[in-house]
């Protein structure tokens, strides 16, 4: 059951999932995973701000709590990308809707700036300049 902590703060959950980069929300989610019995999983999804840090007390992990993080879920580019390319070539998936930004190779630093600002996770780099 995935429920936003901001809506149900007083309840205990088996799993929390957070797709936001607000560090105090991460801290609350880590400590809120089943407050009654002390177990549960907190999953942090996406890219935090480059300077983001969060604190939690070590005791939070002595009662079987788990903290996980991911950019893409269980997707592993090295093994899964060939299948995605094949599905794209067979027109089984539309990747065009995921392209948010596109820059030339000479402006590759702009792509990194967008990523660090949290404005773009995926950016197409054109090699034609």
N, C-alpha and C. Protein backbone atom coordinates (compact mmCIF):
# COMPACT_ATOMS: atom_id res chain seq x y z
N UNK A 1 0.84 -1.17 0.00
CA UNK A 1 0.00 0.00 0.00
C UNK A 1 0.89 1.24 0.00
N UNK A 2 0.77 2.09 -1.01
CA UNK A 2 1.55 3.31 -1.09
C UNK A 2 0.63 4.48 -0.79
N UNK A 3 0.90 5.17 0.30
CA UNK A 3 0.06 6.29 0.72
C UNK A 3 0.95 7.47 1.05
N UNK A 4 0.63 8.67 0.54
CA UNK A 4 1.47 9.83 0.87
C UNK A 4 1.49 10.09 2.37
N UNK A 5 2.67 10.29 2.92
CA UNK A 5 2.78 10.50 4.36
C UNK A 5 2.12 11.80 4.78
N UNK A 6 2.09 12.79 3.91
CA UNK A 6 1.50 14.07 4.28
C UNK A 6 0.00 13.95 4.53
N UNK A 7 -0.63 12.91 4.00
CA UNK A 7 -2.06 12.71 4.18
C UNK A 7 -2.35 11.86 5.40
N UNK A 8 -1.51 10.87 5.68
CA UNK A 8 -1.76 9.91 6.75
C UNK A 8 -0.60 9.84 7.73
N UNK A 9 -0.24 10.95 8.34
CA UNK A 9 0.94 11.00 9.20
C UNK A 9 0.81 10.09 10.41
N UNK A 10 -0.38 9.91 10.94
CA UNK A 10 -0.52 9.16 12.18
C UNK A 10 -0.56 7.65 11.97
N UNK A 11 -0.65 7.19 10.74
CA UNK A 11 -0.73 5.75 10.49
C UNK A 11 0.66 5.14 10.32
N UNK A 12 0.74 3.84 10.47
CA UNK A 12 1.99 3.11 10.26
C UNK A 12 1.88 2.37 8.93
N UNK A 13 2.96 2.38 8.14
CA UNK A 13 2.93 1.77 6.82
C UNK A 13 4.03 0.73 6.67
N UNK A 14 3.76 -0.24 5.81
CA UNK A 14 4.79 -1.22 5.46
C UNK A 14 5.78 -0.62 4.46
N UNK A 15 5.26 0.19 3.53
CA UNK A 15 6.10 0.77 2.48
C UNK A 15 5.73 2.24 2.30
N UNK A 16 6.75 3.09 2.18
CA UNK A 16 6.59 4.50 1.82
C UNK A 16 7.34 4.68 0.51
N UNK A 17 6.77 5.44 -0.41
CA UNK A 17 7.49 5.80 -1.63
C UNK A 17 7.43 7.30 -1.80
N UNK A 18 8.57 7.90 -2.07
CA UNK A 18 8.63 9.35 -2.22
C UNK A 18 9.30 9.70 -3.53
N UNK A 19 8.62 10.49 -4.35
CA UNK A 19 9.17 10.92 -5.64
C UNK A 19 9.57 12.39 -5.61
N UNK A 20 9.67 12.95 -4.45
CA UNK A 20 10.00 14.37 -4.34
C UNK A 20 11.40 14.53 -3.77
N UNK A 21 11.95 15.72 -3.95
CA UNK A 21 13.32 15.95 -3.47
C UNK A 21 13.35 16.81 -2.22
N UNK A 22 12.31 16.77 -1.41
CA UNK A 22 12.27 17.54 -0.18
C UNK A 22 12.89 16.71 0.94
N UNK A 23 14.06 17.14 1.43
CA UNK A 23 14.82 16.30 2.35
C UNK A 23 14.11 16.05 3.67
N UNK A 24 13.35 17.02 4.23
CA UNK A 24 12.69 16.74 5.51
C UNK A 24 11.58 15.71 5.34
N UNK A 25 11.03 15.59 4.13
CA UNK A 25 10.04 14.54 3.87
C UNK A 25 10.73 13.18 3.91
N UNK A 26 11.95 13.08 3.39
CA UNK A 26 12.70 11.82 3.46
C UNK A 26 12.91 11.42 4.90
N UNK A 27 13.28 12.38 5.73
CA UNK A 27 13.53 12.08 7.14
C UNK A 27 12.26 11.58 7.81
N UNK A 28 11.14 12.22 7.53
CA UNK A 28 9.87 11.79 8.12
C UNK A 28 9.49 10.40 7.62
N UNK A 29 9.68 10.13 6.34
CA UNK A 29 9.31 8.82 5.80
C UNK A 29 10.17 7.71 6.40
N UNK A 30 11.45 7.97 6.56
CA UNK A 30 12.33 6.97 7.14
C UNK A 30 11.92 6.62 8.56
N UNK A 31 11.58 7.61 9.34
CA UNK A 31 11.22 7.34 10.73
C UNK A 31 9.77 6.90 10.88
N UNK A 32 8.93 7.12 9.86
CA UNK A 32 7.51 6.78 9.99
C UNK A 32 7.17 5.38 9.52
N UNK A 33 8.11 4.67 8.90
CA UNK A 33 7.77 3.32 8.43
C UNK A 33 7.44 2.46 9.63
N UNK A 34 6.20 2.19 9.78
CA UNK A 34 5.58 1.46 10.88
C UNK A 34 6.15 1.81 12.25
N UNK A 35 5.70 2.96 12.75
CA UNK A 35 6.17 3.45 14.05
C UNK A 35 5.84 2.49 15.19
N UNK A 36 4.74 1.78 15.06
CA UNK A 36 4.31 0.91 16.15
C UNK A 36 5.27 -0.24 16.38
N UNK A 37 5.63 -0.94 15.31
CA UNK A 37 6.47 -2.13 15.44
C UNK A 37 7.90 -1.91 14.94
N UNK A 38 8.15 -0.78 14.27
CA UNK A 38 9.50 -0.43 13.86
C UNK A 38 10.01 -1.10 12.61
N UNK A 39 9.15 -1.64 11.77
CA UNK A 39 9.62 -2.23 10.53
C UNK A 39 9.00 -1.49 9.36
N UNK A 40 9.49 -1.75 8.17
CA UNK A 40 8.95 -1.12 6.98
C UNK A 40 10.05 -0.71 6.03
N UNK A 41 9.64 -0.27 4.85
CA UNK A 41 10.57 0.11 3.79
C UNK A 41 10.26 1.54 3.35
N UNK A 42 11.27 2.38 3.28
CA UNK A 42 11.15 3.72 2.72
C UNK A 42 11.91 3.71 1.40
N UNK A 43 11.24 4.09 0.31
CA UNK A 43 11.86 4.10 -1.02
C UNK A 43 11.92 5.54 -1.51
N UNK A 44 13.12 6.02 -1.78
CA UNK A 44 13.33 7.36 -2.30
C UNK A 44 13.54 7.25 -3.80
N UNK A 45 12.69 7.93 -4.58
CA UNK A 45 12.69 7.78 -6.03
C UNK A 45 13.10 9.10 -6.68
N UNK A 46 14.06 9.04 -7.59
CA UNK A 46 14.45 10.23 -8.34
C UNK A 46 15.75 10.83 -7.87
N UNK A 47 16.06 11.99 -8.41
CA UNK A 47 17.34 12.64 -8.14
C UNK A 47 17.16 13.78 -7.15
N UNK A 48 17.83 13.71 -6.02
CA UNK A 48 17.76 14.82 -5.06
C UNK A 48 18.63 15.98 -5.53
N UNK A 49 18.47 17.11 -4.90
CA UNK A 49 19.34 18.25 -5.17
C UNK A 49 20.78 17.84 -4.87
N UNK A 50 21.74 18.38 -5.59
CA UNK A 50 23.13 17.95 -5.44
C UNK A 50 23.69 18.17 -4.05
N UNK A 51 23.14 19.11 -3.28
CA UNK A 51 23.62 19.37 -1.93
C UNK A 51 22.73 18.76 -0.85
N UNK A 52 21.74 18.00 -1.26
CA UNK A 52 20.77 17.46 -0.29
C UNK A 52 21.40 16.40 0.61
N UNK A 53 21.07 16.47 1.88
CA UNK A 53 21.44 15.46 2.86
C UNK A 53 20.24 15.27 3.78
N UNK A 54 20.18 14.14 4.44
CA UNK A 54 19.14 13.99 5.44
C UNK A 54 19.69 13.18 6.59
N UNK A 55 19.10 13.41 7.77
CA UNK A 55 19.58 12.76 8.98
C UNK A 55 18.48 11.87 9.55
N UNK A 56 18.91 10.77 10.14
CA UNK A 56 17.99 9.91 10.87
C UNK A 56 18.79 9.26 11.99
N UNK A 57 18.12 8.87 12.99
CA UNK A 57 18.80 8.24 14.12
C UNK A 57 19.11 6.78 13.78
N UNK A 58 20.29 6.27 14.11
CA UNK A 58 20.64 4.88 13.80
C UNK A 58 19.67 3.86 14.38
N UNK A 59 19.03 4.18 15.49
CA UNK A 59 18.07 3.25 16.09
C UNK A 59 16.93 2.94 15.12
N UNK A 60 16.64 3.87 14.19
CA UNK A 60 15.58 3.61 13.21
C UNK A 60 15.84 2.36 12.39
N UNK A 61 17.09 1.93 12.29
CA UNK A 61 17.41 0.76 11.47
C UNK A 61 17.67 -0.50 12.29
N UNK A 62 17.61 -0.41 13.59
CA UNK A 62 17.84 -1.58 14.44
C UNK A 62 16.60 -2.45 14.56
N UNK A 63 15.48 -1.95 14.07
CA UNK A 63 14.23 -2.71 14.17
C UNK A 63 13.73 -3.14 12.80
N UNK A 64 14.65 -3.47 11.91
CA UNK A 64 14.34 -4.02 10.59
C UNK A 64 13.77 -3.01 9.60
N UNK A 65 13.93 -1.73 9.83
CA UNK A 65 13.54 -0.75 8.82
C UNK A 65 14.54 -0.81 7.68
N UNK A 66 14.07 -0.49 6.49
CA UNK A 66 14.92 -0.53 5.30
C UNK A 66 14.77 0.78 4.54
N UNK A 67 15.88 1.31 4.07
CA UNK A 67 15.89 2.50 3.23
C UNK A 67 16.45 2.12 1.87
N UNK A 68 15.70 2.42 0.81
CA UNK A 68 16.14 2.12 -0.54
C UNK A 68 16.05 3.38 -1.38
N UNK A 69 16.80 3.42 -2.45
CA UNK A 69 16.75 4.54 -3.37
C UNK A 69 16.88 4.05 -4.80
N UNK A 70 16.30 4.80 -5.74
CA UNK A 70 16.34 4.39 -7.13
C UNK A 70 16.13 5.58 -8.06
N UNK A 71 16.73 5.53 -9.23
CA UNK A 71 16.41 6.49 -10.28
C UNK A 71 15.32 5.91 -11.18
N UNK A 72 15.42 4.64 -11.51
CA UNK A 72 14.57 4.02 -12.52
C UNK A 72 13.82 2.79 -12.03
N UNK A 73 13.68 2.56 -10.76
CA UNK A 73 13.07 1.34 -10.28
C UNK A 73 14.07 0.21 -10.40
N UNK A 74 13.64 -0.93 -10.88
CA UNK A 74 14.55 -2.07 -11.01
C UNK A 74 15.20 -2.14 -12.39
N UNK A 75 15.09 -1.07 -13.16
CA UNK A 75 15.66 -1.01 -14.50
C UNK A 75 17.18 -0.93 -14.42
N UNK A 76 17.85 -1.81 -15.16
CA UNK A 76 19.31 -1.81 -15.21
C UNK A 76 19.73 -1.56 -16.66
N UNK A 77 20.26 -0.36 -16.94
CA UNK A 77 20.58 0.00 -18.32
C UNK A 77 21.44 -1.02 -19.06
N UNK A 78 22.44 -1.58 -18.40
CA UNK A 78 23.35 -2.49 -19.09
C UNK A 78 22.63 -3.72 -19.65
N UNK A 79 21.69 -4.28 -18.90
CA UNK A 79 21.00 -5.48 -19.36
C UNK A 79 19.63 -5.21 -19.96
N UNK A 80 18.97 -4.13 -19.55
CA UNK A 80 17.60 -3.88 -20.00
C UNK A 80 17.50 -2.97 -21.22
N UNK A 81 18.51 -2.14 -21.48
CA UNK A 81 18.44 -1.19 -22.59
C UNK A 81 18.27 -1.86 -23.95
N UNK A 82 18.96 -2.97 -24.26
CA UNK A 82 18.74 -3.60 -25.56
C UNK A 82 17.28 -3.98 -25.80
N UNK A 83 16.58 -4.43 -24.77
CA UNK A 83 15.16 -4.76 -24.92
C UNK A 83 14.31 -3.53 -25.18
N UNK A 84 14.66 -2.42 -24.54
CA UNK A 84 13.93 -1.17 -24.77
C UNK A 84 14.16 -0.69 -26.20
N UNK A 85 15.40 -0.79 -26.69
CA UNK A 85 15.70 -0.39 -28.07
C UNK A 85 14.91 -1.25 -29.04
N UNK A 86 14.85 -2.55 -28.80
CA UNK A 86 14.09 -3.44 -29.67
C UNK A 86 12.60 -3.09 -29.67
N UNK A 87 12.05 -2.81 -28.49
CA UNK A 87 10.63 -2.43 -28.42
C UNK A 87 10.39 -1.11 -29.16
N UNK A 88 11.33 -0.18 -29.06
CA UNK A 88 11.20 1.10 -29.77
C UNK A 88 11.24 0.87 -31.28
N UNK A 89 12.19 0.06 -31.74
CA UNK A 89 12.32 -0.21 -33.18
C UNK A 89 11.08 -0.92 -33.73
N UNK A 90 10.43 -1.74 -32.90
CA UNK A 90 9.21 -2.45 -33.30
C UNK A 90 7.96 -1.61 -33.08
N UNK A 91 8.15 -0.34 -32.69
CA UNK A 91 7.05 0.60 -32.42
C UNK A 91 6.10 0.09 -31.34
N UNK A 92 6.65 -0.64 -30.38
CA UNK A 92 5.85 -1.12 -29.25
C UNK A 92 5.76 -0.09 -28.14
N UNK A 93 6.73 0.83 -28.09
CA UNK A 93 6.69 1.91 -27.11
C UNK A 93 7.04 3.23 -27.79
N UNK A 94 6.49 4.31 -27.26
CA UNK A 94 6.76 5.65 -27.79
C UNK A 94 7.67 6.39 -26.82
N UNK A 95 8.93 6.53 -27.19
CA UNK A 95 9.89 7.20 -26.33
C UNK A 95 9.92 8.71 -26.53
N UNK A 96 9.33 9.19 -27.63
CA UNK A 96 9.37 10.62 -27.94
C UNK A 96 8.75 11.46 -26.83
N UNK A 97 7.72 10.96 -26.18
CA UNK A 97 7.05 11.75 -25.14
C UNK A 97 7.92 11.94 -23.90
N UNK A 98 9.00 11.17 -23.77
CA UNK A 98 9.88 11.29 -22.62
C UNK A 98 11.03 12.28 -22.85
N UNK A 99 11.17 12.76 -24.07
CA UNK A 99 12.24 13.71 -24.39
C UNK A 99 11.78 15.10 -23.97
N UNK A 100 12.43 15.64 -22.97
CA UNK A 100 12.06 16.95 -22.45
C UNK A 100 13.00 18.02 -22.99
N UNK A 101 14.28 17.70 -23.08
CA UNK A 101 15.27 18.66 -23.56
C UNK A 101 16.18 17.99 -24.59
N UNK A 102 16.69 18.83 -25.49
CA UNK A 102 17.59 18.36 -26.53
C UNK A 102 18.66 19.43 -26.72
N UNK A 103 19.93 19.05 -26.67
CA UNK A 103 21.02 20.01 -26.84
C UNK A 103 22.08 19.43 -27.78
N UNK A 104 22.85 20.32 -28.39
CA UNK A 104 23.96 19.85 -29.22
C UNK A 104 25.13 19.46 -28.32
N UNK A 105 26.04 18.66 -28.86
CA UNK A 105 27.18 18.19 -28.08
C UNK A 105 28.01 19.35 -27.54
N UNK A 106 28.10 20.42 -28.31
CA UNK A 106 28.89 21.57 -27.85
C UNK A 106 28.26 22.25 -26.63
N UNK A 107 27.00 21.95 -26.35
CA UNK A 107 26.31 22.54 -25.18
C UNK A 107 25.98 21.47 -24.15
N UNK A 108 26.81 20.44 -24.08
CA UNK A 108 26.56 19.34 -23.16
C UNK A 108 26.50 19.80 -21.70
N UNK A 109 27.25 20.86 -21.38
CA UNK A 109 27.21 21.38 -20.00
C UNK A 109 25.83 21.87 -19.63
N UNK A 110 25.07 22.37 -20.61
CA UNK A 110 23.70 22.80 -20.34
C UNK A 110 22.86 21.60 -19.89
N UNK A 111 23.08 20.45 -20.51
CA UNK A 111 22.35 19.24 -20.13
C UNK A 111 22.65 18.86 -18.68
N UNK A 112 23.91 18.96 -18.28
CA UNK A 112 24.27 18.66 -16.89
C UNK A 112 23.67 19.69 -15.94
N UNK A 113 23.66 20.96 -16.34
CA UNK A 113 23.05 22.00 -15.50
C UNK A 113 21.56 21.72 -15.30
N UNK A 114 20.86 21.34 -16.37
CA UNK A 114 19.44 21.01 -16.25
C UNK A 114 19.22 19.85 -15.30
N UNK A 115 20.09 18.85 -15.39
CA UNK A 115 19.97 17.69 -14.51
C UNK A 115 20.21 18.08 -13.06
N UNK A 116 21.25 18.88 -12.80
CA UNK A 116 21.57 19.29 -11.44
C UNK A 116 20.51 20.20 -10.84
N UNK A 117 19.80 20.95 -11.68
CA UNK A 117 18.71 21.81 -11.21
C UNK A 117 17.43 21.02 -10.97
N UNK A 118 17.41 19.76 -11.40
CA UNK A 118 16.20 18.96 -11.28
C UNK A 118 15.20 19.26 -12.37
N UNK A 119 15.62 19.95 -13.43
CA UNK A 119 14.73 20.33 -14.52
C UNK A 119 14.63 19.25 -15.60
N UNK A 120 15.57 18.32 -15.62
CA UNK A 120 15.57 17.29 -16.66
C UNK A 120 16.33 16.06 -16.17
N UNK A 121 15.71 14.91 -16.31
CA UNK A 121 16.40 13.66 -15.98
C UNK A 121 17.01 13.05 -17.23
N UNK A 122 16.32 13.20 -18.35
CA UNK A 122 16.80 12.65 -19.61
C UNK A 122 16.92 13.79 -20.62
N UNK A 123 18.05 13.88 -21.25
CA UNK A 123 18.28 14.93 -22.24
C UNK A 123 18.96 14.30 -23.44
N UNK A 124 18.46 14.59 -24.62
CA UNK A 124 19.06 14.07 -25.85
C UNK A 124 20.25 14.95 -26.23
N UNK A 125 21.40 14.33 -26.47
CA UNK A 125 22.60 15.05 -26.90
C UNK A 125 22.78 14.78 -28.39
N UNK A 126 22.65 15.83 -29.21
CA UNK A 126 22.84 15.69 -30.66
C UNK A 126 24.33 15.77 -30.98
N UNK A 127 24.81 14.86 -31.78
CA UNK A 127 26.23 14.80 -32.11
C UNK A 127 26.53 15.47 -33.45
N UNK A 128 25.64 16.31 -33.96
CA UNK A 128 25.76 16.84 -35.32
C UNK A 128 26.36 18.23 -35.41
N UNK A 129 27.14 18.67 -34.42
CA UNK A 129 27.71 20.01 -34.55
C UNK A 129 29.19 19.99 -34.79
